[in-house]
Amino acid sequence: MRKSFTISLLSIILFITFFPQVSAQDLRQQLIDFDWSFHLGDLMGASNPGYDDSNWRKLNLPHDWSVEGEFGYDNASGTGYLPGGIGWYRKEFVLSDNLKDKQFIIQFDGVYENSEVWINGNYLGKRPFGFISFYYDLTPYLKFGEKENIIAVRVDNSNVADSRWYTGSGIYRHVWLFTKNKIHIQNWGTAVTTPKINENSADVRIVSSVANNSDQNTNLKLLSKIIDEAGNIISKGTSEIKFQPDTEYEFDQTIEVSNPKLWSIENPYQYTLVNELYDGTLLLDKEEIKFGIRSFQFEAHKGFFLNGENIKIKGVCLHNDAGALGSAVPEREWRRRLELMKEMGANGIRTSHNPPSPELLDLCDEMGFIVMDEAFDEWEVGKKKWIKGRNVGFDKGASGAEMYYSQRGYSDFFTEWAKRDIQDMVRRDRNHPSIILWSIGNEIDYPNDPYSDPSRDNYKPWRPPAYKLTEIARNLSDYIKEIDTTRPVTAALANIPLSNEIGYSAVLDVVGYNYQEKFYANDRKEFPDRKMIGSENGDALEAWLAVRDNDYMPGQFLWTGIDYLGEA
């Protein structure tokens, strides 16, 4: 995703330096990370506008309160021996009277976890998944003039043993405020693809969803311009439509680019799409999206091709944290890490095991990494979490005698939220040229954690039946393809024989093998049309030789590119 800016320098200075007042008519998007109030602990009434937060801590976002805490054996080892808890954030802002006819959207790039948001005491909603980006419409509840608006956010990471690695706690990614006209291009509403490329030209398909939230009939025109890195307009197209009130419409147009410069690992060239939405000569909305022109494919016999060139993917897996910085990772730290990966010869990133920050994907686009964008580490049934050390996933009950595994996590809300979460991930990320694979899950088929099957020697009949994985995987793949059909769907499999037996492997476009090099050759013979990849591998030479010496293997992702907190 790319964010568009038409904010004057003076507006930015006023916003950062003083009490924020949104008044510029051309304001499109503001970063509202500054001057939040924070309280660690739960409070009654903190969502009310009149609540007294004068004694709360003042801070700027992004913020991770867990990394500020004390390490302790009373905390779960899996999440780094650091505390969780409940926290509240509040922010005040003022809107001028001349913005009453606008629409306002607030977007959170990531809140860990179980976030709930209020505006002026009105409940906007919740998002349990701590790695997903989301947004709300503030418009119906806003005040204008001299009256203050109060955003309140409750974050609940009290079940800190909900993950197998460190997650952090809080609003740990950026927050944005969009100011739009009633007729506008939808948030994450534009998809840019390059369905046809040859030496002399490329077709760029642009599908943009536009909403008319006004009560007016109107004649709309969408002007789409493609700009090269030097700032030159190299191609453009226009579409027009008669638009009724309270409706949505998709503009679908294809623009030809002559003599395109292709996005590649060595030369990650990016163009900029500028979409301008007009009612007559009145500019209603404008967005800018960086994109790359490139083609790629996985081939069962020859591996991976980027722009027709057969290459090996030399990837690494990266978690979301940055050690002592916690999960609120600055962009310059992501850049430093990717520079280190480049120096050692890596050309790929797997976002283990969750949707990454937008900044990481921006940098992968810019620096020439190809990406496996991963959604989940568990589905409807939770995995065992490490509580008191490596593979020690138990704790004492209240009586001091009962021992039990902690299996709480994303599984608590998978059934209700998985479709929305994975489709939001795809909508947000689909314009990144670096992304070549959508991964629906990591090691969901891990032996007896939690699923089991009678075809395996260590079958445990009291565990959930593994055949359910196939149906869930098919559903997740379908959810993705409702949004994007240009990229294959994969999953990182830990038990290849089981997944082959139950049909889980068969519903994937590309089958991911985690530490399963010994099955490459056999599966190549048994499933000659299967597209495979090493989705997670150790650093032993043998793991790499299994890729280097076999044309059908496109590459691998080493565990791990940089060490991380948790899983301890």
Protein backbone atom coordinates (compact mmCIF):
# COMPACT_ATOMS: atom_id res chain seq x y z
CA MET A 1 0.00 0.00 0.00
CA ARG A 2 1.07 3.58 -0.68
CA LYS A 3 -0.27 6.64 1.05
CA SER A 4 -1.08 9.87 -0.80
CA PHE A 5 -0.13 13.29 0.52
CA THR A 6 -1.37 16.73 -0.53
CA ILE A 7 -0.53 18.39 2.78
CA SER A 8 1.35 21.68 2.74
CA LEU A 9 4.58 21.98 4.73
CA LEU A 10 2.94 24.63 6.91
CA SER A 11 0.09 22.24 7.74
CA ILE A 12 2.57 19.57 8.82
CA ILE A 13 4.52 21.99 11.03
CA LEU A 14 1.37 23.26 12.71
CA PHE A 15 0.11 19.73 13.25
CA ILE A 16 3.29 18.49 14.88
CA THR A 17 4.09 21.57 16.91
CA PHE A 18 0.72 22.64 18.28
CA PHE A 19 -2.63 21.20 19.28
CA PRO A 20 -3.79 19.50 16.06
CA GLN A 21 -6.45 21.40 14.13
CA VAL A 22 -7.46 20.04 10.75
CA SER A 23 -8.55 22.91 8.50
CA ALA A 24 -6.83 22.80 5.09
CA GLN A 25 -9.32 22.17 2.29
CA ASP A 26 -6.84 20.05 0.38
CA LEU A 27 -5.90 17.86 3.35
CA ARG A 28 -5.85 14.22 2.27
CA GLN A 29 -4.00 12.31 4.93
CA GLN A 30 -2.38 13.09 8.26
CA LEU A 31 -0.08 11.05 10.40
CA ILE A 32 -1.59 11.36 13.88
CA ASP A 33 1.12 9.59 15.89
CA PHE A 34 1.85 12.61 18.06
CA ASP A 35 0.59 13.71 21.50
CA TRP A 36 -1.35 10.69 22.72
CA SER A 37 -2.14 10.02 26.37
CA PHE A 38 -1.51 6.52 27.72
CA HIS A 39 -2.45 4.57 30.85
CA LEU A 40 -1.27 1.04 31.60
CA GLY A 41 -4.11 -0.80 33.31
CA ASP A 42 -7.85 -1.08 32.85
CA LEU A 43 -10.14 1.78 33.84
CA MET A 44 -13.88 2.26 34.00
CA GLY A 45 -15.20 5.12 31.89
CA ALA A 46 -11.98 5.86 29.99
CA SER A 47 -13.89 5.85 26.70
CA ASN A 48 -16.05 8.79 27.82
CA PRO A 49 -15.05 12.17 26.32
CA GLY A 50 -15.13 13.90 29.71
CA TYR A 51 -12.81 11.42 31.42
CA ASP A 52 -9.91 13.15 33.17
CA ASP A 53 -6.69 11.84 31.61
CA SER A 54 -4.51 14.75 32.76
CA ASN A 55 -2.32 12.43 34.84
CA TRP A 56 -1.78 9.94 32.04
CA ARG A 57 1.60 9.54 30.39
CA LYS A 58 2.13 11.63 27.25
CA LEU A 59 3.78 9.84 24.34
CA ASN A 60 4.06 9.51 20.58
CA LEU A 61 3.23 6.44 18.56
CA PRO A 62 4.23 3.81 17.58
CA HIS A 63 4.41 2.44 21.12
CA ASP A 64 5.05 -1.01 22.62
CA TRP A 65 4.52 -1.11 26.36
CA SER A 66 5.64 -4.74 26.82
CA VAL A 67 9.27 -4.05 25.92
CA GLU A 68 9.27 -1.30 28.57
CA GLY A 69 8.41 -3.88 31.25
CA GLU A 70 10.53 -6.15 33.39
CA PHE A 71 11.62 -9.59 32.25
CA GLY A 72 10.31 -12.22 34.64
CA TYR A 73 9.79 -15.97 34.95
CA ASP A 74 6.17 -15.31 35.84
CA ASN A 75 5.68 -14.21 32.23
CA ALA A 76 5.43 -16.69 29.37
CA SER A 77 8.72 -17.79 27.86
CA GLY A 78 7.22 -18.06 24.39
CA THR A 79 6.48 -14.34 24.26
CA GLY A 80 9.89 -13.38 25.62
CA TYR A 81 9.33 -13.36 29.42
CA LEU A 82 7.82 -9.88 29.07
CA PRO A 83 4.47 -8.70 30.47
CA GLY A 84 1.24 -7.95 28.64
CA GLY A 85 -1.82 -6.44 30.26
CA ILE A 86 -4.44 -3.88 29.30
CA GLY A 87 -3.73 -0.33 28.20
CA TRP A 88 -5.71 2.76 27.21
CA TYR A 89 -4.79 5.45 24.67
CA ARG A 90 -6.58 8.78 24.16
CA LYS A 91 -6.08 11.67 21.74
CA GLU A 92 -7.77 15.05 21.25
CA PHE A 93 -8.18 16.91 17.97
CA VAL A 94 -10.22 19.81 16.58
CA LEU A 95 -11.92 20.15 13.17
CA SER A 96 -12.77 23.51 11.63
CA ASP A 97 -16.36 24.33 10.62
CA ASN A 98 -15.54 24.38 6.92
CA LEU A 99 -14.93 20.61 7.02
CA LYS A 100 -18.48 19.66 8.01
CA ASP A 101 -19.23 18.30 4.54
CA LYS A 102 -16.18 15.99 4.55
CA GLN A 103 -15.81 12.33 5.46
CA PHE A 104 -13.17 11.26 7.99
CA ILE A 105 -11.50 7.86 8.21
CA ILE A 106 -9.07 6.74 10.92
CA GLN A 107 -6.66 3.94 10.01
CA PHE A 108 -4.57 1.86 12.41
CA ASP A 109 -1.66 0.01 10.80
CA GLY A 110 -1.39 -2.38 13.76
CA VAL A 111 -2.61 -2.69 17.36
CA TYR A 112 -1.68 -5.69 19.52
CA GLU A 113 -4.27 -6.86 20.34
CA ASN A 114 -8.04 -7.05 20.94
CA SER A 115 -8.38 -3.36 20.20
CA GLU A 116 -11.60 -1.43 20.74
CA VAL A 117 -12.04 2.13 19.49
CA TRP A 118 -14.39 4.98 20.48
CA ILE A 119 -14.87 8.47 19.07
CA ASN A 120 -16.57 10.99 21.39
CA GLY A 121 -17.90 8.09 23.44
CA ASN A 122 -19.38 6.28 20.43
CA TYR A 123 -18.20 2.72 19.96
CA LEU A 124 -16.68 2.11 16.51
CA GLY A 125 -15.76 -1.54 16.80
CA LYS A 126 -13.10 -4.09 17.69
CA ARG A 127 -10.32 -5.96 15.89
CA PRO A 128 -8.94 -8.95 17.79
CA PHE A 129 -6.04 -9.77 15.42
CA GLY A 130 -3.03 -7.78 16.49
CA PHE A 131 -1.18 -7.84 13.16
CA ILE A 132 -3.92 -6.61 10.83
CA SER A 133 -4.45 -3.05 9.60
CA PHE A 134 -7.98 -1.65 9.88
CA TYR A 135 -9.98 1.57 9.68
CA TYR A 136 -13.24 3.18 10.84
CA ASP A 137 -15.50 5.96 9.59
CA LEU A 138 -15.55 8.74 12.20
CA THR A 139 -17.91 11.05 10.29
CA PRO A 140 -21.28 10.53 12.04
CA TYR A 141 -19.87 11.31 15.50
CA LEU A 142 -17.56 14.29 14.94
CA LYS A 143 -17.76 17.82 16.35
CA PHE A 144 -16.62 20.95 14.51
CA GLY A 145 -15.47 24.43 15.41
CA GLU A 146 -13.88 24.89 18.83
CA LYS A 147 -15.19 21.58 20.21
CA GLU A 148 -12.71 18.83 20.93
CA ASN A 149 -12.99 15.33 19.51
CA ILE A 150 -11.69 12.46 21.64
CA ILE A 151 -10.41 9.17 20.26
CA ALA A 152 -10.13 6.41 22.89
CA VAL A 153 -8.51 3.02 22.26
CA ARG A 154 -8.54 0.07 24.65
CA VAL A 155 -5.90 -2.60 24.00
CA ASP A 156 -6.14 -5.97 25.74
CA ASN A 157 -3.08 -8.22 25.67
CA SER A 158 -3.76 -9.70 29.09
CA ASN A 159 -3.51 -13.20 27.62
CA VAL A 160 0.17 -12.63 26.92
CA ALA A 161 0.81 -16.35 26.30
CA ASP A 162 -1.27 -16.21 23.11
CA SER A 163 1.68 -16.49 20.71
CA ARG A 164 4.74 -18.65 20.15
CA TRP A 165 7.00 -15.57 19.85
CA TYR A 166 7.19 -11.98 21.07
CA THR A 167 4.34 -9.75 19.88
CA GLY A 168 4.55 -6.61 21.97
CA SER A 169 1.51 -4.72 23.27
CA GLY A 170 -0.12 -1.47 22.23
CA ILE A 171 -0.55 0.75 19.17
CA TYR A 172 2.80 -0.34 17.77
CA ARG A 173 2.33 0.87 14.19
CA HIS A 174 1.27 4.20 12.67
CA VAL A 175 -2.17 5.83 12.85
CA TRP A 176 -3.58 7.96 10.01
CA LEU A 177 -6.48 10.37 9.61
CA PHE A 178 -7.97 10.67 6.11
CA THR A 179 -10.10 13.64 5.08
CA LYS A 180 -12.27 12.84 2.07
CA ASN A 181 -15.13 14.27 0.09
CA LYS A 182 -18.42 12.40 0.23
CA ILE A 183 -17.58 11.10 -3.24
CA HIS A 184 -14.16 9.47 -3.07
CA ILE A 185 -11.90 6.58 -3.97
CA GLN A 186 -12.31 3.90 -1.32
CA ASN A 187 -9.56 3.14 1.16
CA TRP A 188 -7.48 0.25 -0.28
CA GLY A 189 -9.90 0.53 -3.21
CA THR A 190 -7.49 0.48 -6.16
CA ALA A 191 -5.83 -2.61 -7.62
CA VAL A 192 -2.98 -2.26 -10.14
CA THR A 193 -1.92 -5.28 -12.17
CA THR A 194 0.22 -5.85 -15.27
CA PRO A 195 -1.50 -8.67 -17.17
CA LYS A 196 0.42 -8.31 -20.45
CA ILE A 197 4.10 -7.50 -20.86
CA ASN A 198 6.44 -7.76 -23.82
CA GLU A 199 9.66 -6.08 -24.89
CA ASN A 200 7.94 -3.06 -26.40
CA SER A 201 4.91 -2.45 -24.19
CA ALA A 202 2.99 -3.39 -21.07
CA ASP A 203 -0.69 -3.24 -20.23
CA VAL A 204 -1.42 -1.74 -16.81
CA ARG A 205 -4.89 -2.59 -15.55
CA ILE A 206 -6.34 -0.23 -12.95
CA VAL A 207 -9.50 -1.14 -11.05
CA SER A 208 -10.66 1.58 -8.62
CA SER A 209 -13.65 1.38 -6.30
CA VAL A 210 -15.43 4.73 -5.83
CA ALA A 211 -18.15 5.51 -3.27
CA ASN A 212 -20.85 8.16 -3.59
CA ASN A 213 -21.94 8.88 -0.02
CA SER A 214 -23.69 12.08 -1.05
CA ASP A 215 -27.35 12.61 -1.97
CA GLN A 216 -26.47 13.89 -5.45
CA ASN A 217 -26.48 12.37 -8.93
CA THR A 218 -23.20 13.19 -10.57
CA ASN A 219 -21.09 12.63 -13.67
CA LEU A 220 -17.70 11.36 -12.57
CA LYS A 221 -14.44 11.15 -14.46
CA LEU A 222 -11.41 9.17 -13.29
CA LEU A 223 -8.14 10.37 -14.80
CA SER A 224 -5.30 7.88 -14.30
CA LYS A 225 -1.74 8.98 -15.01
CA ILE A 226 1.38 6.81 -14.95
CA ILE A 227 4.53 8.67 -13.97
CA ASP A 228 8.10 7.39 -14.23
CA GLU A 229 10.84 7.83 -11.62
CA ALA A 230 11.95 11.08 -13.27
CA GLY A 231 8.50 12.58 -12.77
CA ASN A 232 7.38 12.38 -16.41
CA ILE A 233 3.82 11.44 -17.34
CA ILE A 234 4.35 8.55 -19.74
CA SER A 235 0.77 7.36 -20.20
CA LYS A 236 -2.75 8.16 -19.08
CA GLY A 237 -6.34 7.06 -19.41
CA THR A 238 -9.80 8.37 -18.59
CA SER A 239 -13.11 6.73 -17.66
CA GLU A 240 -16.48 8.39 -17.08
CA ILE A 241 -19.71 7.27 -15.41
CA LYS A 242 -23.06 8.67 -14.32
CA PHE A 243 -23.19 8.04 -10.59
CA GLN A 244 -26.27 7.75 -8.38
CA PRO A 245 -26.36 8.62 -4.65
CA ASP A 246 -25.43 6.04 -2.01
CA THR A 247 -23.80 3.68 -4.48
CA GLU A 248 -20.38 2.23 -5.22
CA TYR A 249 -18.81 1.75 -8.62
CA GLU A 250 -15.64 0.17 -10.00
CA PHE A 251 -13.73 1.99 -12.70
CA ASP A 252 -11.86 -0.59 -14.79
CA GLN A 253 -9.39 0.65 -17.36
CA THR A 254 -6.23 -0.57 -19.07
CA ILE A 255 -3.40 1.79 -20.00
CA GLU A 256 -0.51 0.89 -22.28
CA VAL A 257 3.05 1.76 -21.29
CA SER A 258 5.61 1.82 -24.10
CA ASN A 259 9.11 0.44 -23.57
CA PRO A 260 8.48 -0.38 -19.91
CA LYS A 261 11.24 -0.62 -17.36
CA LEU A 262 10.68 -3.81 -15.43
CA TRP A 263 10.78 -4.25 -11.66
CA SER A 264 13.44 -6.81 -10.78
CA ILE A 265 15.70 -7.84 -7.92
CA GLU A 266 18.69 -6.06 -9.47
CA ASN A 267 16.75 -3.01 -10.67
CA PRO A 268 13.52 -2.57 -8.67
CA TYR A 269 12.10 0.17 -10.89
CA GLN A 270 8.78 1.63 -9.76
CA TYR A 271 6.22 3.77 -11.52
CA THR A 272 3.63 5.93 -9.77
CA LEU A 273 -0.06 5.77 -10.57
CA VAL A 274 -1.86 9.06 -9.92
CA ASN A 275 -5.65 8.68 -9.81
CA GLU A 276 -7.68 11.91 -9.94
CA LEU A 277 -11.45 11.80 -9.49
CA TYR A 278 -13.41 14.71 -11.01
CA ASP A 279 -16.97 16.02 -11.04
CA GLY A 280 -16.68 18.23 -14.10
CA THR A 281 -13.60 20.34 -13.39
CA LEU A 282 -13.86 19.92 -9.60
CA LEU A 283 -11.19 17.60 -8.19
CA LEU A 284 -12.89 15.34 -5.62
CA ASP A 285 -10.12 12.93 -4.73
CA LYS A 286 -6.54 12.05 -5.55
CA GLU A 287 -4.35 9.08 -4.70
CA GLU A 288 -0.82 8.02 -5.55
CA ILE A 289 0.23 4.38 -5.69
CA LYS A 290 3.70 3.10 -6.48
CA PHE A 291 3.78 -0.11 -8.50
CA GLY A 292 6.13 -2.21 -10.57
CA ILE A 293 5.77 -3.73 -14.01
CA ARG A 294 6.92 -7.33 -13.80
CA SER A 295 5.86 -10.85 -14.66
CA PHE A 296 6.55 -14.00 -12.68
CA GLN A 297 5.58 -17.62 -12.58
CA PHE A 298 6.27 -20.83 -10.73
CA GLU A 299 6.88 -23.81 -12.99
CA ALA A 300 6.77 -27.42 -11.80
CA HIS A 301 9.86 -28.47 -13.78
CA LYS A 302 12.02 -25.36 -13.81
CA GLY A 303 11.27 -23.45 -10.59
CA PHE A 304 10.72 -19.69 -10.51
CA PHE A 305 10.87 -17.11 -13.29
CA LEU A 306 10.90 -13.32 -12.85
CA ASN A 307 10.48 -11.38 -16.10
CA GLY A 308 11.30 -14.58 -17.98
CA GLU A 309 14.58 -15.12 -16.10
CA ASN A 310 14.99 -18.34 -14.15
CA ILE A 311 16.27 -17.42 -10.68
CA LYS A 312 16.71 -19.07 -7.30
CA ILE A 313 14.96 -17.50 -4.34
CA LYS A 314 17.47 -17.03 -1.52
CA GLY A 315 15.05 -15.96 1.16
CA VAL A 316 14.96 -15.49 4.91
CA CYS A 317 12.15 -15.49 7.45
CA LEU A 318 11.70 -12.35 9.56
CA HIS A 319 9.58 -11.84 12.66
CA ASN A 320 7.89 -8.55 13.52
CA ASP A 321 10.09 -7.37 16.42
CA ALA A 322 13.51 -5.71 16.51
CA GLY A 323 14.99 -6.99 19.75
CA ALA A 324 15.40 -4.24 22.35
CA LEU A 325 13.15 -1.97 20.25
CA GLY A 326 10.25 -4.37 20.67
CA SER A 327 7.51 -4.44 18.06
CA ALA A 328 7.39 -0.67 17.42
CA VAL A 329 10.10 -0.93 14.77
CA PRO A 330 11.28 2.29 13.07
CA GLU A 331 11.54 2.26 9.30
CA ARG A 332 15.28 3.00 9.48
CA GLU A 333 15.76 -0.24 11.46
CA TRP A 334 13.90 -2.26 8.83
CA ARG A 335 16.11 -0.63 6.20
CA ARG A 336 19.27 -1.50 8.14
CA ARG A 337 18.15 -5.10 8.44
CA LEU A 338 17.32 -5.43 4.77
CA GLU A 339 20.69 -3.91 3.87
CA LEU A 340 22.33 -6.65 5.95
CA MET A 341 20.25 -9.28 4.18
CA LYS A 342 21.31 -7.90 0.80
CA GLU A 343 24.97 -7.95 1.82
CA MET A 344 24.77 -11.65 2.64
CA GLY A 345 23.10 -12.45 -0.69
CA ALA A 346 19.44 -12.74 0.28
CA ASN A 347 16.79 -11.73 -2.24
CA GLY A 348 13.58 -12.82 -0.53
CA ILE A 349 11.61 -12.22 2.68
CA ARG A 350 8.93 -14.36 4.31
CA THR A 351 6.83 -12.35 6.78
CA SER A 352 6.76 -14.95 9.53
CA HIS A 353 4.00 -15.55 10.54
CA ASN A 354 1.70 -12.58 10.11
CA PRO A 355 0.92 -9.55 7.95
CA PRO A 356 3.93 -7.20 8.17
CA SER A 357 4.18 -3.46 8.62
CA PRO A 358 3.50 -1.43 5.46
CA GLU A 359 6.98 0.10 5.76
CA LEU A 360 8.66 -3.29 5.44
CA LEU A 361 6.82 -3.99 2.19
CA ASP A 362 7.64 -0.50 0.88
CA LEU A 363 11.31 -1.20 1.49
CA CYS A 364 11.13 -4.61 -0.18
CA ASP A 365 9.64 -2.90 -3.25
CA GLU A 366 12.37 -0.27 -3.20
CA MET A 367 15.33 -2.55 -2.50
CA GLY A 368 14.44 -5.51 -4.69
CA PHE A 369 13.28 -8.32 -2.39
CA ILE A 370 10.60 -10.80 -3.35
CA VAL A 371 8.11 -11.52 -0.58
CA MET A 372 5.96 -14.33 0.77
CA ASP A 373 3.22 -12.42 2.62
CA GLU A 374 1.92 -14.66 5.42
CA ALA A 375 -1.39 -14.42 7.27
CA PHE A 376 -1.65 -16.83 10.22
CA ASP A 377 0.25 -19.13 12.57
CA GLU A 378 -2.86 -20.99 13.68
CA TRP A 379 -6.43 -21.52 12.54
CA GLU A 380 -9.52 -22.73 14.38
CA VAL A 381 -7.63 -24.77 17.01
CA GLY A 382 -4.78 -23.28 19.02
CA LYS A 383 -1.21 -24.54 19.10
CA LYS A 384 0.58 -25.33 22.34
CA LYS A 385 2.44 -22.29 23.63
CA TRP A 386 5.72 -22.34 25.52
CA ILE A 387 5.10 -21.15 29.07
CA LYS A 388 8.10 -22.17 31.18
CA GLY A 389 10.84 -22.79 28.63
CA ARG A 390 11.50 -24.53 25.34
CA ASN A 391 8.77 -27.06 24.63
CA VAL A 392 7.53 -26.68 28.21
CA GLY A 393 3.99 -25.65 27.41
CA PHE A 394 2.34 -26.10 30.73
CA ASP A 395 1.65 -24.18 33.87
CA LYS A 396 0.14 -24.89 37.26
CA GLY A 397 -3.56 -24.40 37.80
CA ALA A 398 -5.05 -22.47 40.69
CA SER A 399 -4.80 -25.52 42.95
CA GLY A 400 -1.09 -25.81 42.25
CA ALA A 401 -1.55 -29.38 41.05
CA GLU A 402 -3.28 -29.40 37.66
CA MET A 403 -1.01 -29.06 34.65
CA TYR A 404 -2.36 -27.74 31.34
CA TYR A 405 -1.22 -26.42 28.00
CA SER A 406 -1.94 -22.87 26.99
CA GLN A 407 -3.60 -23.03 23.58
CA ARG A 408 -5.17 -19.58 23.54
CA GLY A 409 -4.37 -17.39 20.56
CA TYR A 410 -5.73 -16.41 17.17
CA SER A 411 -7.81 -19.59 17.25
CA ASP A 412 -10.09 -17.83 19.75
CA PHE A 413 -11.47 -15.67 16.95
CA PHE A 414 -10.40 -17.42 13.72
CA THR A 415 -13.89 -18.62 12.79
CA GLU A 416 -15.41 -15.16 13.09
CA TRP A 417 -12.56 -13.06 11.72
CA ALA A 418 -10.37 -15.12 9.34
CA LYS A 419 -12.13 -14.12 6.11
CA ARG A 420 -12.15 -10.43 6.94
CA ASP A 421 -8.55 -10.46 8.19
CA ILE A 422 -7.06 -12.27 5.21
CA GLN A 423 -9.01 -10.18 2.70
CA ASP A 424 -7.97 -6.97 4.44
CA MET A 425 -4.36 -8.14 4.22
CA VAL A 426 -4.70 -8.75 0.49
CA ARG A 427 -6.50 -5.46 -0.18
CA ARG A 428 -3.85 -3.51 1.71
CA ASP A 429 -0.84 -5.27 0.17
CA ARG A 430 -1.89 -6.24 -3.38
CA ASN A 431 -0.13 -3.38 -5.19
CA HIS A 432 3.34 -4.26 -3.91
CA PRO A 433 5.44 -5.63 -6.79
CA SER A 434 7.65 -7.47 -4.30
CA ILE A 435 4.88 -9.87 -3.24
CA ILE A 436 4.83 -13.11 -5.23
CA LEU A 437 3.04 -15.46 -2.81
CA TRP A 438 0.18 -15.30 -0.32
CA SER A 439 0.70 -17.74 2.56
CA ILE A 440 -2.42 -18.82 4.43
CA GLY A 441 -0.62 -20.38 7.37
CA ASN A 442 2.48 -21.70 9.07
CA GLU A 443 2.83 -25.32 10.21
CA ILE A 444 -0.88 -25.77 10.85
CA ASP A 445 -0.28 -29.47 10.12
CA TYR A 446 2.39 -29.82 12.82
CA PRO A 447 2.15 -33.35 14.26
CA ASN A 448 -0.42 -33.45 17.08
CA ASP A 449 -0.21 -29.71 17.61
CA PRO A 450 -3.11 -29.66 17.43
CA TYR A 451 -4.37 -31.95 14.63
CA SER A 452 -3.94 -35.72 14.29
CA ASP A 453 -4.85 -38.39 11.74
CA PRO A 454 -5.17 -42.20 11.86
CA SER A 455 -2.82 -42.52 8.87
CA ARG A 456 0.08 -41.49 11.12
CA ASP A 457 1.89 -43.83 13.51
CA ASN A 458 1.54 -41.42 16.44
CA TYR A 459 -2.22 -40.98 15.98
CA LYS A 460 -3.99 -39.46 19.00
CA PRO A 461 -7.75 -39.87 18.52
CA TRP A 462 -8.65 -37.24 21.09
CA ARG A 463 -7.06 -34.50 19.00
CA PRO A 464 -8.97 -32.64 16.24
CA PRO A 465 -9.14 -34.54 12.92
CA ALA A 466 -6.55 -33.35 10.44
CA TYR A 467 -8.82 -33.73 7.41
CA LYS A 468 -10.49 -30.45 8.40
CA LEU A 469 -7.32 -28.63 7.32
CA THR A 470 -8.12 -29.27 3.67
CA GLU A 471 -11.52 -27.60 3.83
CA ILE A 472 -10.18 -24.61 5.77
CA ALA A 473 -7.25 -24.19 3.38
CA ARG A 474 -9.58 -24.27 0.39
CA ASN A 475 -11.78 -21.61 1.98
CA LEU A 476 -8.84 -19.34 2.79
CA SER A 477 -7.52 -19.69 -0.74
CA ASP A 478 -10.94 -18.80 -2.13
CA TYR A 479 -11.13 -15.73 0.12
CA ILE A 480 -7.83 -14.50 -1.30
CA LYS A 481 -8.84 -15.13 -4.90
CA GLU A 482 -12.00 -13.11 -4.45
CA ILE A 483 -9.61 -10.15 -4.17
CA ASP A 484 -6.47 -11.14 -6.12
CA THR A 485 -6.01 -13.86 -8.74
CA THR A 486 -2.58 -12.73 -9.91
CA ARG A 487 -0.55 -14.49 -7.21
CA PRO A 488 -0.44 -18.13 -6.12
CA VAL A 489 -1.52 -19.27 -2.67
CA THR A 490 0.82 -21.32 -0.51
CA ALA A 491 1.18 -22.57 3.06
CA ALA A 492 4.22 -23.63 5.06
CA LEU A 493 3.73 -27.34 5.74
CA ALA A 494 5.48 -29.19 8.55
CA ASN A 495 4.13 -32.71 7.94
CA ILE A 496 4.25 -33.39 4.22
CA PRO A 497 3.13 -37.06 4.36
CA LEU A 498 0.07 -36.11 6.41
CA SER A 499 -0.79 -33.12 4.22
CA ASN A 500 -0.46 -35.28 1.10
CA GLU A 501 -2.68 -37.95 2.64
CA ILE A 502 -5.54 -35.63 3.59
CA GLY A 503 -5.41 -33.50 0.42
CA TYR A 504 -4.18 -30.32 2.12
CA SER A 505 -1.22 -30.05 -0.26
CA ALA A 506 -3.48 -30.45 -3.30
CA VAL A 507 -5.49 -27.27 -2.65
CA LEU A 508 -2.35 -25.09 -2.69
CA ASP A 509 -1.01 -23.47 -5.86
CA VAL A 510 2.55 -23.76 -4.54
CA VAL A 511 3.32 -26.24 -1.75
CA GLY A 512 5.60 -24.98 1.01
CA TYR A 513 8.00 -27.43 2.68
CA ASN A 514 9.25 -26.61 6.19
CA TYR A 515 12.42 -28.59 6.96
CA GLN A 516 11.19 -31.34 4.63
CA GLU A 517 14.04 -31.55 2.14
CA LYS A 518 14.01 -35.35 2.37
CA PHE A 519 10.64 -35.41 0.62
CA TYR A 520 11.56 -33.21 -2.35
CA ALA A 521 12.68 -36.00 -4.67
CA ASN A 522 9.93 -38.45 -3.77
CA ASP A 523 7.16 -35.87 -4.12
CA ARG A 524 8.68 -34.74 -7.40
CA LYS A 525 8.11 -38.28 -8.72
CA GLU A 526 4.69 -38.80 -7.12
CA PHE A 527 3.33 -35.35 -8.00
CA PRO A 528 5.20 -34.33 -11.19
CA ASP A 529 3.02 -31.26 -11.77
CA ARG A 530 3.40 -29.95 -8.22
CA LYS A 531 4.99 -26.53 -7.72
CA MET A 532 7.16 -26.59 -4.60
CA ILE A 533 9.20 -24.22 -2.46
CA GLY A 534 11.32 -24.43 0.68
CA SER A 535 9.13 -22.23 2.87
CA GLU A 536 11.34 -22.63 5.95
CA ASN A 537 14.73 -24.29 6.14
CA GLY A 538 17.72 -24.66 8.40
CA ASP A 539 21.13 -23.26 7.58
CA ALA A 540 22.83 -26.59 6.87
CA LEU A 541 24.53 -26.84 3.48
CA GLU A 542 22.44 -29.87 2.56
CA ALA A 543 19.25 -27.79 2.69
CA TRP A 544 20.65 -25.35 0.15
CA LEU A 545 22.09 -28.04 -2.13
CA ALA A 546 18.62 -29.58 -2.37
CA VAL A 547 17.56 -26.29 -3.98
CA ARG A 548 20.69 -25.46 -5.95
CA ASP A 549 21.01 -28.87 -7.56
CA ASN A 550 17.36 -29.38 -8.52
CA ASP A 551 15.85 -27.27 -11.29
CA TYR A 552 12.32 -27.87 -10.03
CA MET A 553 13.05 -26.23 -6.66
CA PRO A 554 12.60 -22.43 -6.96
CA GLY A 555 14.27 -21.53 -3.68
CA GLN A 556 14.05 -21.48 0.09
CA PHE A 557 13.58 -19.22 3.12
CA LEU A 558 16.13 -19.69 5.92
CA TRP A 559 15.10 -19.69 9.57
CA THR A 560 15.84 -17.04 10.46
CA GLY A 561 17.27 -13.91 8.85
CA ILE A 562 17.75 -12.10 12.17
CA ASP A 563 17.23 -13.41 15.68
CA TYR A 564 14.10 -12.40 17.55
CA LEU A 565 12.49 -12.23 20.97
CA GLY A 566 10.42 -15.10 22.29
CA GLU A 567 10.12 -18.79 21.44
CA ALA A 568 12.44 -19.24 24.40
